[in-house]
Amino acid sequence: MLRLQLTGKETLGDQDCNVWRSIVKEGGKRNVYTLWQSVATQLPVRYEMMGYDNLLGSHYDKYYIDYVHFDVEKSLDDAIFKTPASKFLLFRPSPSVQPAFIES
């Protein structure tokens, strides 16, 4: 599990985003994981990995995922997508195993 820290705000495309980042040294290399989260909807916009692929399990490289369409069931409580009050966001990049966002 990554511990992402809020590092600032950026505009990605036409969306204002919170930028969450984690820098991890693994295998003697520096790995940078960044998540852009929409300020308006609190949903993910982009996830970028420069390092070992911790999402799909591959080799050291640069990967990114753009969230173009995010379908949320109406039965979900909107509170689960709120940014935590702390400066940290815990992120499980494998939504098939665990929810993508976990508040601390």
N, C-alpha and C. Protein backbone atom coordinates (compact mmCIF):
# COMPACT_ATOMS: atom_id res chain seq x y z
N MET A 1 0.84 -1.17 0.00
CA MET A 1 0.00 0.00 0.00
C MET A 1 0.89 1.24 0.00
N LEU A 2 0.52 2.22 -0.80
CA LEU A 2 1.26 3.48 -0.85
C LEU A 2 0.68 4.48 0.14
N ARG A 3 1.57 5.30 0.68
CA ARG A 3 1.14 6.41 1.50
C ARG A 3 1.44 7.67 0.71
N LEU A 4 0.40 8.21 0.08
CA LEU A 4 0.56 9.39 -0.76
C LEU A 4 0.38 10.65 0.08
N GLN A 5 1.21 11.64 -0.20
CA GLN A 5 1.14 12.90 0.53
C GLN A 5 0.67 13.99 -0.42
N LEU A 6 -0.22 14.84 0.06
CA LEU A 6 -0.69 15.97 -0.74
C LEU A 6 0.48 16.91 -0.98
N THR A 7 0.81 17.15 -2.27
CA THR A 7 1.95 18.00 -2.59
C THR A 7 1.56 19.31 -3.25
N GLY A 8 0.29 19.49 -3.58
CA GLY A 8 -0.13 20.74 -4.19
C GLY A 8 -1.33 20.56 -5.10
N LYS A 9 -1.51 21.54 -5.97
CA LYS A 9 -2.62 21.53 -6.92
C LYS A 9 -2.08 21.80 -8.31
N GLU A 10 -2.69 21.19 -9.30
CA GLU A 10 -2.33 21.41 -10.71
C GLU A 10 -3.59 21.32 -11.54
N THR A 11 -3.55 21.91 -12.72
CA THR A 11 -4.63 21.75 -13.68
C THR A 11 -4.20 20.70 -14.68
N LEU A 12 -5.01 19.66 -14.82
CA LEU A 12 -4.73 18.58 -15.76
C LEU A 12 -5.88 18.57 -16.76
N GLY A 13 -5.58 18.89 -18.01
CA GLY A 13 -6.65 19.09 -19.00
C GLY A 13 -7.44 20.31 -18.58
N ASP A 14 -8.73 20.12 -18.36
CA ASP A 14 -9.58 21.23 -17.91
C ASP A 14 -10.03 21.05 -16.45
N GLN A 15 -9.33 20.17 -15.72
CA GLN A 15 -9.74 19.89 -14.34
C GLN A 15 -8.70 20.38 -13.33
N ASP A 16 -9.18 21.09 -12.32
CA ASP A 16 -8.32 21.46 -11.20
C ASP A 16 -8.17 20.23 -10.32
N CYS A 17 -6.93 19.90 -9.98
CA CYS A 17 -6.66 18.65 -9.26
C CYS A 17 -5.80 18.85 -8.03
N ASN A 18 -6.06 18.02 -7.02
CA ASN A 18 -5.12 17.83 -5.92
C ASN A 18 -4.08 16.85 -6.42
N VAL A 19 -2.83 17.07 -6.07
CA VAL A 19 -1.75 16.17 -6.50
C VAL A 19 -1.22 15.45 -5.27
N TRP A 20 -1.29 14.11 -5.30
CA TRP A 20 -0.82 13.25 -4.23
C TRP A 20 0.38 12.49 -4.73
N ARG A 21 1.45 12.39 -3.92
CA ARG A 21 2.69 11.77 -4.39
C ARG A 21 3.35 10.93 -3.31
N SER A 22 3.99 9.87 -3.77
CA SER A 22 4.80 9.03 -2.89
C SER A 22 6.11 8.74 -3.60
N ILE A 23 7.22 8.88 -2.88
CA ILE A 23 8.53 8.56 -3.43
C ILE A 23 9.10 7.43 -2.59
N VAL A 24 9.40 6.32 -3.25
CA VAL A 24 9.85 5.10 -2.57
C VAL A 24 11.14 4.63 -3.21
N LYS A 25 12.11 4.28 -2.40
CA LYS A 25 13.35 3.68 -2.91
C LYS A 25 13.19 2.17 -2.84
N GLU A 26 13.28 1.52 -3.99
CA GLU A 26 13.11 0.07 -4.07
C GLU A 26 14.07 -0.49 -5.11
N GLY A 27 14.74 -1.55 -4.76
CA GLY A 27 15.68 -2.15 -5.70
C GLY A 27 16.81 -1.21 -6.08
N GLY A 28 17.17 -0.29 -5.17
CA GLY A 28 18.23 0.66 -5.45
C GLY A 28 17.84 1.78 -6.40
N LYS A 29 16.54 1.88 -6.71
CA LYS A 29 16.07 2.92 -7.62
C LYS A 29 14.99 3.76 -6.96
N ARG A 30 14.89 4.99 -7.42
CA ARG A 30 13.88 5.93 -6.92
C ARG A 30 12.60 5.73 -7.72
N ASN A 31 11.49 5.50 -7.04
CA ASN A 31 10.19 5.28 -7.67
C ASN A 31 9.25 6.40 -7.24
N VAL A 32 8.60 7.05 -8.20
CA VAL A 32 7.69 8.15 -7.90
C VAL A 32 6.30 7.77 -8.39
N TYR A 33 5.34 7.80 -7.46
CA TYR A 33 3.95 7.47 -7.76
C TYR A 33 3.12 8.72 -7.51
N THR A 34 2.33 9.13 -8.51
CA THR A 34 1.56 10.38 -8.41
C THR A 34 0.11 10.13 -8.80
N LEU A 35 -0.80 10.66 -8.01
CA LEU A 35 -2.24 10.58 -8.28
C LEU A 35 -2.80 11.98 -8.37
N TRP A 36 -3.48 12.29 -9.48
CA TRP A 36 -4.20 13.54 -9.64
C TRP A 36 -5.66 13.26 -9.32
N GLN A 37 -6.24 14.05 -8.42
CA GLN A 37 -7.61 13.86 -7.96
C GLN A 37 -8.39 15.13 -8.23
N SER A 38 -9.54 15.02 -8.88
CA SER A 38 -10.36 16.18 -9.19
C SER A 38 -10.79 16.89 -7.92
N VAL A 39 -10.58 18.21 -7.88
CA VAL A 39 -11.03 19.01 -6.74
C VAL A 39 -12.56 19.02 -6.70
N ALA A 40 -13.20 19.09 -7.86
CA ALA A 40 -14.66 19.21 -7.93
C ALA A 40 -15.38 17.93 -7.54
N THR A 41 -14.88 16.77 -8.01
CA THR A 41 -15.60 15.50 -7.79
C THR A 41 -14.92 14.58 -6.80
N GLN A 42 -13.66 14.85 -6.46
CA GLN A 42 -12.84 14.00 -5.60
C GLN A 42 -12.49 12.66 -6.25
N LEU A 43 -12.77 12.48 -7.53
CA LEU A 43 -12.48 11.24 -8.23
C LEU A 43 -11.09 11.29 -8.86
N PRO A 44 -10.48 10.13 -9.10
CA PRO A 44 -9.15 10.12 -9.74
C PRO A 44 -9.23 10.60 -11.19
N VAL A 45 -8.20 11.31 -11.60
CA VAL A 45 -8.09 11.81 -12.98
C VAL A 45 -6.95 11.09 -13.69
N ARG A 46 -5.82 10.95 -13.01
CA ARG A 46 -4.65 10.27 -13.59
C ARG A 46 -3.82 9.65 -12.47
N TYR A 47 -3.22 8.49 -12.78
CA TYR A 47 -2.27 7.85 -11.88
C TYR A 47 -1.01 7.59 -12.70
N GLU A 48 0.12 8.06 -12.20
CA GLU A 48 1.38 7.92 -12.93
C GLU A 48 2.42 7.23 -12.06
N MET A 49 3.13 6.30 -12.67
CA MET A 49 4.20 5.58 -11.97
C MET A 49 5.49 5.77 -12.76
N MET A 50 6.51 6.29 -12.11
CA MET A 50 7.85 6.32 -12.68
C MET A 50 8.68 5.44 -11.79
N GLY A 51 8.79 4.19 -12.18
CA GLY A 51 9.49 3.21 -11.35
C GLY A 51 8.90 1.84 -11.58
N TYR A 52 8.94 1.02 -10.55
CA TYR A 52 8.36 -0.31 -10.66
C TYR A 52 6.85 -0.18 -10.68
N ASP A 53 6.22 -0.91 -11.57
CA ASP A 53 4.77 -0.88 -11.74
C ASP A 53 4.10 -1.58 -10.56
N ASN A 54 3.58 -0.80 -9.62
CA ASN A 54 2.93 -1.38 -8.45
C ASN A 54 1.44 -1.65 -8.69
N LEU A 55 0.96 -1.34 -9.87
CA LEU A 55 -0.45 -1.54 -10.19
C LEU A 55 -0.67 -2.87 -10.90
N LEU A 56 0.09 -3.12 -11.93
CA LEU A 56 -0.07 -4.33 -12.73
C LEU A 56 1.06 -5.33 -12.54
N GLY A 57 2.11 -4.91 -11.84
CA GLY A 57 3.22 -5.81 -11.55
C GLY A 57 4.15 -6.03 -12.72
N SER A 58 4.87 -5.01 -13.12
CA SER A 58 5.78 -5.14 -14.25
C SER A 58 7.14 -4.54 -13.89
N HIS A 59 7.96 -4.30 -14.89
CA HIS A 59 9.33 -3.84 -14.70
C HIS A 59 9.42 -2.32 -14.49
N TYR A 60 10.62 -1.84 -14.21
CA TYR A 60 10.89 -0.42 -13.99
C TYR A 60 10.68 0.34 -15.29
N ASP A 61 9.79 1.32 -15.30
CA ASP A 61 9.48 2.09 -16.50
C ASP A 61 8.55 3.22 -16.10
N LYS A 62 8.04 3.97 -17.07
CA LYS A 62 7.05 5.00 -16.80
C LYS A 62 5.70 4.51 -17.32
N TYR A 63 4.70 4.58 -16.43
CA TYR A 63 3.35 4.16 -16.76
C TYR A 63 2.39 5.26 -16.31
N TYR A 64 1.28 5.42 -17.04
CA TYR A 64 0.24 6.29 -16.53
C TYR A 64 -1.13 5.78 -16.98
N ILE A 65 -2.11 6.06 -16.14
CA ILE A 65 -3.48 5.67 -16.41
C ILE A 65 -4.33 6.92 -16.32
N ASP A 66 -5.06 7.22 -17.38
CA ASP A 66 -6.01 8.33 -17.37
C ASP A 66 -7.40 7.76 -17.13
N TYR A 67 -8.10 8.33 -16.17
CA TYR A 67 -9.47 7.91 -15.87
C TYR A 67 -10.40 8.77 -16.71
N VAL A 68 -10.83 8.24 -17.85
CA VAL A 68 -11.65 9.00 -18.79
C VAL A 68 -13.12 8.97 -18.39
N HIS A 69 -13.58 7.81 -17.97
CA HIS A 69 -14.97 7.67 -17.54
C HIS A 69 -14.97 6.88 -16.24
N PHE A 70 -15.60 7.42 -15.26
CA PHE A 70 -15.63 6.78 -13.95
C PHE A 70 -17.09 6.61 -13.57
N ASP A 71 -17.58 5.38 -13.59
CA ASP A 71 -18.98 5.09 -13.31
C ASP A 71 -19.13 4.69 -11.84
N VAL A 72 -19.93 5.45 -11.14
CA VAL A 72 -20.15 5.19 -9.72
C VAL A 72 -21.61 4.80 -9.54
N GLU A 73 -21.83 3.69 -8.84
CA GLU A 73 -23.20 3.28 -8.54
C GLU A 73 -23.85 4.31 -7.63
N LYS A 74 -25.11 4.57 -7.87
CA LYS A 74 -25.82 5.57 -7.08
C LYS A 74 -25.96 5.17 -5.61
N SER A 75 -25.79 3.89 -5.30
CA SER A 75 -25.95 3.44 -3.92
C SER A 75 -24.72 3.73 -3.04
N LEU A 76 -23.63 4.19 -3.65
CA LEU A 76 -22.43 4.49 -2.87
C LEU A 76 -22.60 5.81 -2.13
N ASP A 77 -22.10 5.87 -0.92
CA ASP A 77 -22.13 7.07 -0.12
C ASP A 77 -21.06 8.03 -0.61
N ASP A 78 -21.42 9.25 -0.96
CA ASP A 78 -20.46 10.25 -1.46
C ASP A 78 -19.31 10.50 -0.48
N ALA A 79 -19.51 10.26 0.79
CA ALA A 79 -18.48 10.51 1.81
C ALA A 79 -17.23 9.67 1.59
N ILE A 80 -17.35 8.52 0.93
CA ILE A 80 -16.15 7.69 0.72
C ILE A 80 -15.17 8.33 -0.26
N PHE A 81 -15.61 9.33 -1.01
CA PHE A 81 -14.72 10.00 -1.96
C PHE A 81 -14.20 11.35 -1.45
N LYS A 82 -14.49 11.68 -0.21
CA LYS A 82 -14.00 12.92 0.37
C LYS A 82 -12.52 12.80 0.70
N THR A 83 -11.80 13.88 0.50
CA THR A 83 -10.38 13.91 0.85
C THR A 83 -10.25 13.84 2.37
N PRO A 84 -9.36 12.98 2.86
CA PRO A 84 -9.17 12.88 4.31
C PRO A 84 -8.73 14.21 4.92
N ALA A 85 -9.06 14.39 6.18
CA ALA A 85 -8.67 15.62 6.88
C ALA A 85 -7.16 15.69 7.07
N SER A 86 -6.50 14.54 7.13
CA SER A 86 -5.05 14.53 7.30
C SER A 86 -4.37 14.91 5.98
N LYS A 87 -3.06 15.08 6.01
CA LYS A 87 -2.32 15.43 4.81
C LYS A 87 -1.95 14.19 4.00
N PHE A 88 -2.39 13.02 4.42
CA PHE A 88 -2.01 11.79 3.74
C PHE A 88 -3.23 11.07 3.18
N LEU A 89 -3.03 10.39 2.06
CA LEU A 89 -4.06 9.57 1.44
C LEU A 89 -3.46 8.19 1.24
N LEU A 90 -4.14 7.17 1.74
CA LEU A 90 -3.68 5.81 1.51
C LEU A 90 -4.34 5.31 0.24
N PHE A 91 -3.57 4.71 -0.64
CA PHE A 91 -4.05 4.33 -1.97
C PHE A 91 -3.71 2.88 -2.24
N ARG A 92 -4.72 2.08 -2.47
CA ARG A 92 -4.52 0.69 -2.89
C ARG A 92 -4.77 0.67 -4.39
N PRO A 93 -3.74 0.52 -5.19
CA PRO A 93 -3.90 0.63 -6.64
C PRO A 93 -4.59 -0.55 -7.31
N SER A 94 -5.01 -1.56 -6.58
CA SER A 94 -5.67 -2.70 -7.18
C SER A 94 -7.13 -2.76 -6.73
N PRO A 95 -8.03 -2.03 -7.43
CA PRO A 95 -9.42 -1.95 -7.00
C PRO A 95 -10.15 -3.29 -7.04
N SER A 96 -9.63 -4.27 -7.77
CA SER A 96 -10.29 -5.57 -7.80
C SER A 96 -10.11 -6.29 -6.46
N VAL A 97 -9.10 -5.90 -5.69
CA VAL A 97 -8.85 -6.54 -4.40
C VAL A 97 -9.41 -5.69 -3.26
N GLN A 98 -9.18 -4.40 -3.30
CA GLN A 98 -9.62 -3.49 -2.24
C GLN A 98 -10.16 -2.22 -2.89
N PRO A 99 -10.93 -1.43 -2.14
CA PRO A 99 -11.36 -0.13 -2.68
C PRO A 99 -10.15 0.73 -3.03
N ALA A 100 -10.30 1.59 -4.04
CA ALA A 100 -9.17 2.39 -4.50
C ALA A 100 -8.74 3.43 -3.48
N PHE A 101 -9.69 3.97 -2.69
CA PHE A 101 -9.35 4.99 -1.72
C PHE A 101 -9.70 4.52 -0.33
N ILE A 102 -8.82 4.77 0.59
CA ILE A 102 -9.07 4.44 1.98
C ILE A 102 -8.69 5.64 2.82
N GLU A 103 -9.63 6.16 3.59
CA GLU A 103 -9.34 7.32 4.42
C GLU A 103 -8.65 6.88 5.69
N SER A 104 -7.69 7.69 6.14
CA SER A 104 -7.00 7.37 7.40
C SER A 104 -7.64 8.10 8.54
